[in-house]
Each structure stands twice: as structure tokens, then as C-alpha cells.
N, C-alpha and C. Protein backbone atom coordinates (compact mmCIF):
# COMPACT_ATOMS: atom_id res chain seq x y z
N MET A 1 13.84 -51.71 -5.99
CA MET A 1 14.07 -51.43 -7.07
C MET A 1 15.13 -49.88 -5.94
N LYS A 2 15.87 -49.84 -6.58
CA LYS A 2 17.38 -49.00 -6.02
C LYS A 2 16.90 -47.58 -6.92
N GLU A 3 17.34 -46.68 -5.24
CA GLU A 3 17.40 -44.94 -5.87
C GLU A 3 18.40 -44.82 -6.14
N ASN A 4 18.62 -43.64 -7.15
CA ASN A 4 19.96 -43.39 -7.74
C ASN A 4 20.39 -42.35 -6.48
N TRP A 5 21.12 -41.84 -5.98
CA TRP A 5 21.10 -41.08 -5.01
C TRP A 5 22.42 -39.83 -5.76
N ASN A 6 23.13 -40.23 -6.90
CA ASN A 6 23.72 -39.13 -7.67
C ASN A 6 22.98 -38.82 -8.42
N LYS A 7 21.91 -39.15 -9.34
CA LYS A 7 20.95 -38.18 -9.86
C LYS A 7 20.73 -37.20 -9.30
N PRO A 8 21.02 -35.84 -10.42
CA PRO A 8 20.80 -34.29 -9.92
C PRO A 8 18.94 -34.41 -9.88
N ARG A 9 18.42 -33.60 -8.73
CA ARG A 9 17.25 -33.54 -8.65
C ARG A 9 16.80 -32.24 -8.48
N LYS A 10 15.80 -31.85 -8.95
CA LYS A 10 15.17 -30.59 -9.08
C LYS A 10 14.83 -29.94 -7.65
N MET A 11 14.83 -28.78 -7.16
CA MET A 11 14.46 -28.35 -5.66
C MET A 11 12.56 -28.06 -6.41
N THR A 12 12.09 -28.15 -5.07
CA THR A 12 10.89 -27.96 -5.42
C THR A 12 10.58 -26.57 -4.28
N MET A 13 10.17 -25.36 -4.58
CA MET A 13 9.98 -24.46 -3.64
C MET A 13 8.08 -24.31 -3.77
N LEU A 14 7.97 -23.55 -2.56
CA LEU A 14 6.81 -22.61 -2.62
C LEU A 14 6.74 -21.44 -3.78
N ASN A 15 5.86 -21.69 -4.55
CA ASN A 15 5.44 -20.28 -5.30
C ASN A 15 4.27 -20.03 -5.84
N ASP A 16 3.92 -18.89 -5.81
CA ASP A 16 2.77 -17.98 -6.51
C ASP A 16 2.87 -18.23 -7.60
N TYR A 17 1.40 -18.56 -8.10
CA TYR A 17 1.05 -18.36 -9.79
C TYR A 17 0.06 -18.09 -9.59
N LYS A 18 -0.26 -17.08 -10.46
CA LYS A 18 -1.62 -16.68 -10.92
C LYS A 18 -2.11 -16.72 -12.38
N CYS A 19 -3.31 -17.28 -12.15
CA CYS A 19 -4.12 -17.41 -13.89
C CYS A 19 -4.39 -16.50 -14.32
N SER A 20 -4.25 -17.17 -16.01
CA SER A 20 -4.52 -15.64 -17.33
C SER A 20 -6.24 -15.75 -17.35
N ILE A 21 -6.59 -16.84 -16.84
CA ILE A 21 -8.25 -16.11 -17.40
C ILE A 21 -8.65 -15.87 -16.01
N CYS A 22 -9.08 -16.56 -15.01
CA CYS A 22 -9.98 -15.97 -13.74
C CYS A 22 -8.81 -15.26 -13.36
N ASP A 23 -7.56 -14.99 -12.82
CA ASP A 23 -6.82 -14.17 -12.49
C ASP A 23 -6.54 -14.12 -10.82
N TYR A 24 -6.82 -15.66 -10.52
CA TYR A 24 -6.58 -16.45 -9.15
C TYR A 24 -5.50 -16.49 -9.03
N ILE A 25 -4.65 -15.97 -7.50
CA ILE A 25 -3.67 -16.49 -7.15
C ILE A 25 -3.38 -17.66 -6.26
N GLU A 26 -2.58 -18.36 -6.41
CA GLU A 26 -2.56 -19.63 -5.30
C GLU A 26 -0.92 -19.99 -5.27
N GLU A 27 -0.65 -20.65 -3.89
CA GLU A 27 0.48 -21.44 -3.77
C GLU A 27 0.73 -22.46 -3.97
N GLN A 28 1.68 -23.26 -5.07
CA GLN A 28 2.08 -24.14 -5.25
C GLN A 28 3.26 -25.06 -5.02
N TRP A 29 3.89 -25.94 -4.04
CA TRP A 29 4.97 -26.40 -4.22
C TRP A 29 5.54 -27.36 -5.92
N SER A 30 6.02 -26.19 -6.36
CA SER A 30 6.32 -26.77 -7.69
C SER A 30 7.69 -26.06 -8.41
N SER A 31 7.91 -26.52 -8.79
CA SER A 31 9.46 -25.80 -9.71
C SER A 31 9.50 -25.36 -11.58
N GLU A 32 7.79 -25.49 -11.51
CA GLU A 32 7.27 -25.33 -13.01
C GLU A 32 7.41 -23.63 -13.28
N LYS A 33 7.46 -22.98 -14.36
CA LYS A 33 7.38 -21.74 -14.96
C LYS A 33 5.41 -21.63 -15.44
N GLU A 34 4.69 -22.87 -15.68
CA GLU A 34 3.59 -22.79 -15.54
C GLU A 34 2.71 -24.06 -15.20
N ILE A 35 1.49 -23.96 -14.77
CA ILE A 35 1.29 -25.03 -14.28
C ILE A 35 -0.45 -24.77 -14.55
N ASP A 36 -1.16 -26.05 -14.30
CA ASP A 36 -2.88 -25.58 -14.70
C ASP A 36 -3.41 -24.81 -13.27
N CYS A 37 -4.41 -23.85 -13.57
CA CYS A 37 -5.44 -23.55 -12.26
C CYS A 37 -6.08 -24.32 -11.76
N THR A 38 -6.15 -24.50 -10.37
CA THR A 38 -6.77 -25.44 -9.17
C THR A 38 -8.11 -24.88 -9.60
N PHE A 39 -8.34 -23.55 -9.78
CA PHE A 39 -9.39 -23.14 -9.83
C PHE A 39 -10.90 -23.45 -10.93
N CYS A 40 -9.91 -22.68 -12.21
CA CYS A 40 -10.58 -23.35 -13.40
C CYS A 40 -10.60 -24.14 -14.52
N GLY A 41 -8.79 -24.50 -14.04
CA GLY A 41 -8.03 -25.23 -15.43
C GLY A 41 -7.47 -24.60 -16.32
N GLY A 42 -7.41 -22.71 -16.40
CA GLY A 42 -6.40 -22.37 -17.65
C GLY A 42 -5.37 -22.65 -16.48
N LEU A 43 -4.72 -21.54 -17.53
CA LEU A 43 -3.01 -21.57 -17.15
C LEU A 43 -2.54 -20.86 -16.58
N SER A 44 -1.85 -20.99 -15.69
CA SER A 44 -1.25 -20.17 -14.46
C SER A 44 -0.15 -20.17 -14.53
N THR A 45 1.05 -18.78 -14.74
CA THR A 45 2.31 -18.37 -14.31
C THR A 45 2.63 -18.29 -13.00
N ARG A 46 4.24 -18.21 -12.87
CA ARG A 46 5.01 -18.60 -12.05
C ARG A 46 5.09 -16.94 -11.78
N ILE A 47 4.85 -16.51 -10.30
CA ILE A 47 4.51 -14.57 -10.36
C ILE A 47 5.63 -14.59 -8.48
N ILE A 48 6.37 -13.52 -8.35
CA ILE A 48 6.93 -13.14 -7.63
C ILE A 48 5.86 -12.10 -7.12
N SER A 49 5.70 -12.11 -5.74
CA SER A 49 5.35 -11.89 -4.52
C SER A 49 5.86 -11.45 -3.56
N GLY A 50 4.97 -10.18 -3.33
CA GLY A 50 5.90 -9.91 -1.97
C GLY A 50 5.95 -10.82 -0.32
N GLY A 51 6.61 -10.87 0.44
CA GLY A 51 5.94 -11.68 1.53
C GLY A 51 5.55 -11.12 2.63
N PHE A 52 4.83 -12.21 4.05
CA PHE A 52 4.29 -11.27 4.71
C PHE A 52 5.46 -11.43 5.81
N PHE A 53 5.28 -9.92 6.41
CA PHE A 53 6.09 -9.80 7.75
C PHE A 53 5.43 -8.49 8.21
N SER A 54 5.70 -8.54 10.01
CA SER A 54 5.30 -7.75 10.62
C SER A 54 6.62 -6.92 12.03
N LEU A 55 6.66 -5.87 11.34
CA LEU A 55 7.91 -5.03 12.58
C LEU A 55 7.23 -5.38 13.96
N PRO A 56 8.57 -5.64 14.58
CA PRO A 56 8.10 -5.75 15.72
C PRO A 56 7.94 -4.03 16.37
N GLY A 57 7.27 -3.95 17.55
CA GLY A 57 6.88 -2.65 17.93
C GLY A 57 7.49 -2.05 19.05
N ILE A 58 8.96 -2.45 18.88
CA ILE A 58 10.03 -1.89 19.53
C ILE A 58 11.15 -1.58 19.20
N ASP A 59 10.98 -1.61 17.86
CA ASP A 59 11.94 -1.19 17.09
C ASP A 59 12.21 0.63 16.74
N GLN A 60 13.43 0.85 17.14
CA GLN A 60 13.43 2.55 17.37
C GLN A 60 13.55 2.85 15.67
N GLY A 61 13.96 2.25 14.88
CA GLY A 61 14.21 2.20 13.52
C GLY A 61 13.28 2.65 12.35
N PHE A 62 11.59 2.29 12.93
CA PHE A 62 10.60 2.70 12.94
C PHE A 62 9.40 2.98 13.95
N PRO A 63 10.11 4.59 13.65
CA PRO A 63 9.33 5.41 15.05
C PRO A 63 7.99 5.39 15.14
N THR A 64 6.91 5.29 14.06
CA THR A 64 5.39 5.47 13.90
C THR A 64 5.19 4.37 14.36
N THR A 65 5.73 3.12 14.34
CA THR A 65 5.42 1.61 14.90
C THR A 65 5.97 1.35 16.28
N ALA A 66 7.04 2.00 16.80
CA ALA A 66 7.09 2.31 17.99
C ALA A 66 6.09 2.94 18.94
N ASP A 67 5.88 3.99 18.25
CA ASP A 67 5.30 4.41 19.21
C ASP A 67 3.63 4.32 19.33
N LYS A 68 3.00 3.55 18.22
CA LYS A 68 1.67 2.37 18.29
C LYS A 68 2.07 1.52 19.25
N TRP A 69 3.15 1.38 19.51
CA TRP A 69 3.08 -0.02 20.50
C TRP A 69 3.57 0.75 21.62
N ALA A 70 4.04 1.63 22.00
CA ALA A 70 4.28 2.08 23.12
C ALA A 70 2.69 2.96 23.54
N LYS A 71 1.84 3.42 22.79
CA LYS A 71 0.26 3.74 23.01
C LYS A 71 -0.17 2.78 23.41
N ARG A 72 -0.07 1.76 22.80
CA ARG A 72 -1.16 0.33 23.03
C ARG A 72 -0.76 0.21 24.35
N HIS A 73 0.53 -0.14 25.26
CA HIS A 73 0.85 -0.52 26.01
C HIS A 73 0.93 0.47 27.35
N ARG A 74 0.67 1.34 27.18
CA ARG A 74 0.06 3.05 28.03
C ARG A 74 -0.96 2.49 28.16
N LYS A 75 -1.90 2.13 27.42
CA LYS A 75 -3.32 2.23 27.26
C LYS A 75 -3.60 1.07 28.22
N ALA A 76 -2.96 -0.13 28.10
CA ALA A 76 -3.68 -1.79 28.39
C ALA A 76 -2.79 -1.68 30.24
N ASN A 77 -1.93 -0.60 30.24
CA ASN A 77 -1.22 -0.87 31.60
C ASN A 77 -1.92 0.67 32.72
N ARG A 78 -3.13 1.57 31.92
CA ARG A 78 -2.95 2.76 32.90
C ARG A 78 -3.67 2.39 34.17
N SER A 79 -4.29 1.34 34.31
CA SER A 79 -4.67 1.01 36.08
C SER A 79 -3.47 0.71 36.76
N ASN A 80 -2.45 -0.15 36.41
CA ASN A 80 -0.76 -0.10 36.99
C ASN A 80 -0.33 1.10 37.04
N LEU A 81 -0.71 2.23 36.15
CA LEU A 81 0.15 3.13 36.20
C LEU A 81 -0.16 3.77 37.34
N LYS A 82 -1.56 3.97 37.61
CA LYS A 82 -2.21 5.48 37.98
C LYS A 82 -2.31 4.84 39.70
N ARG A 83 -2.19 3.36 40.32
CA ARG A 83 -1.92 2.72 41.24
C ARG A 83 -0.48 2.91 41.76
N LEU A 84 0.57 2.99 40.70
CA LEU A 84 1.75 3.27 41.21
C LEU A 84 1.99 4.89 41.64
N GLY A 85 0.81 5.72 41.24
CA GLY A 85 0.83 6.65 40.88
C GLY A 85 1.70 7.47 39.92
N ILE A 86 2.12 6.90 38.56
CA ILE A 86 2.83 7.80 37.36
C ILE A 86 1.60 7.91 36.87
N PRO A 87 1.87 9.46 36.10
CA PRO A 87 1.17 10.25 35.31
C PRO A 87 0.92 8.99 34.12
N CYS A 88 -0.73 9.24 33.31
CA CYS A 88 -0.66 8.56 32.38
C CYS A 88 -0.99 9.70 31.19
């Protein structure tokens, strides 16, 4: 059987879905707006959720994160600083 490469295809994306019955949130590779919940079998609708990310500790644009990073590294390196005669 030949595949038709000219046929337009739907793009499948990783989406989050929330069940209207049990409030279970799951990720599915689907382009559908509604799917069946894998937990209870109810109707799950596609939702927009925030992505997961973390900021690097050395970015000066986020001073509290940069301060935490510096404090954590000073504490971990305290013995080397004392050995070199650097006040900590």
C-alpha cells in the first residue's frame, strides 16, 4: 500500500487534559480538544498549563536567586576559603 505524502496531516502535540469528573490532569500526545480520561473514563478537556522551568542561579536579572546561589556555593566552599585565608 502506497502512502500519500501530499495528504495534509494533523500535527500531534503533547497536551494537558483535565477530567471533568475526577479532576485528574494527564499529558497525552493528541491534537483533540476532548479525550477520555484514562483514570475514570470521563470526559477530559484540553487545558493550557504553565511550563516547568528553573532559573540559573547566576543570572543577575533575578537577584534573590543569584544571592541564594552565591550563599549556597560559599557555604559548600567554606573549608577551601578558610584554607586560602579568605574571610567567609
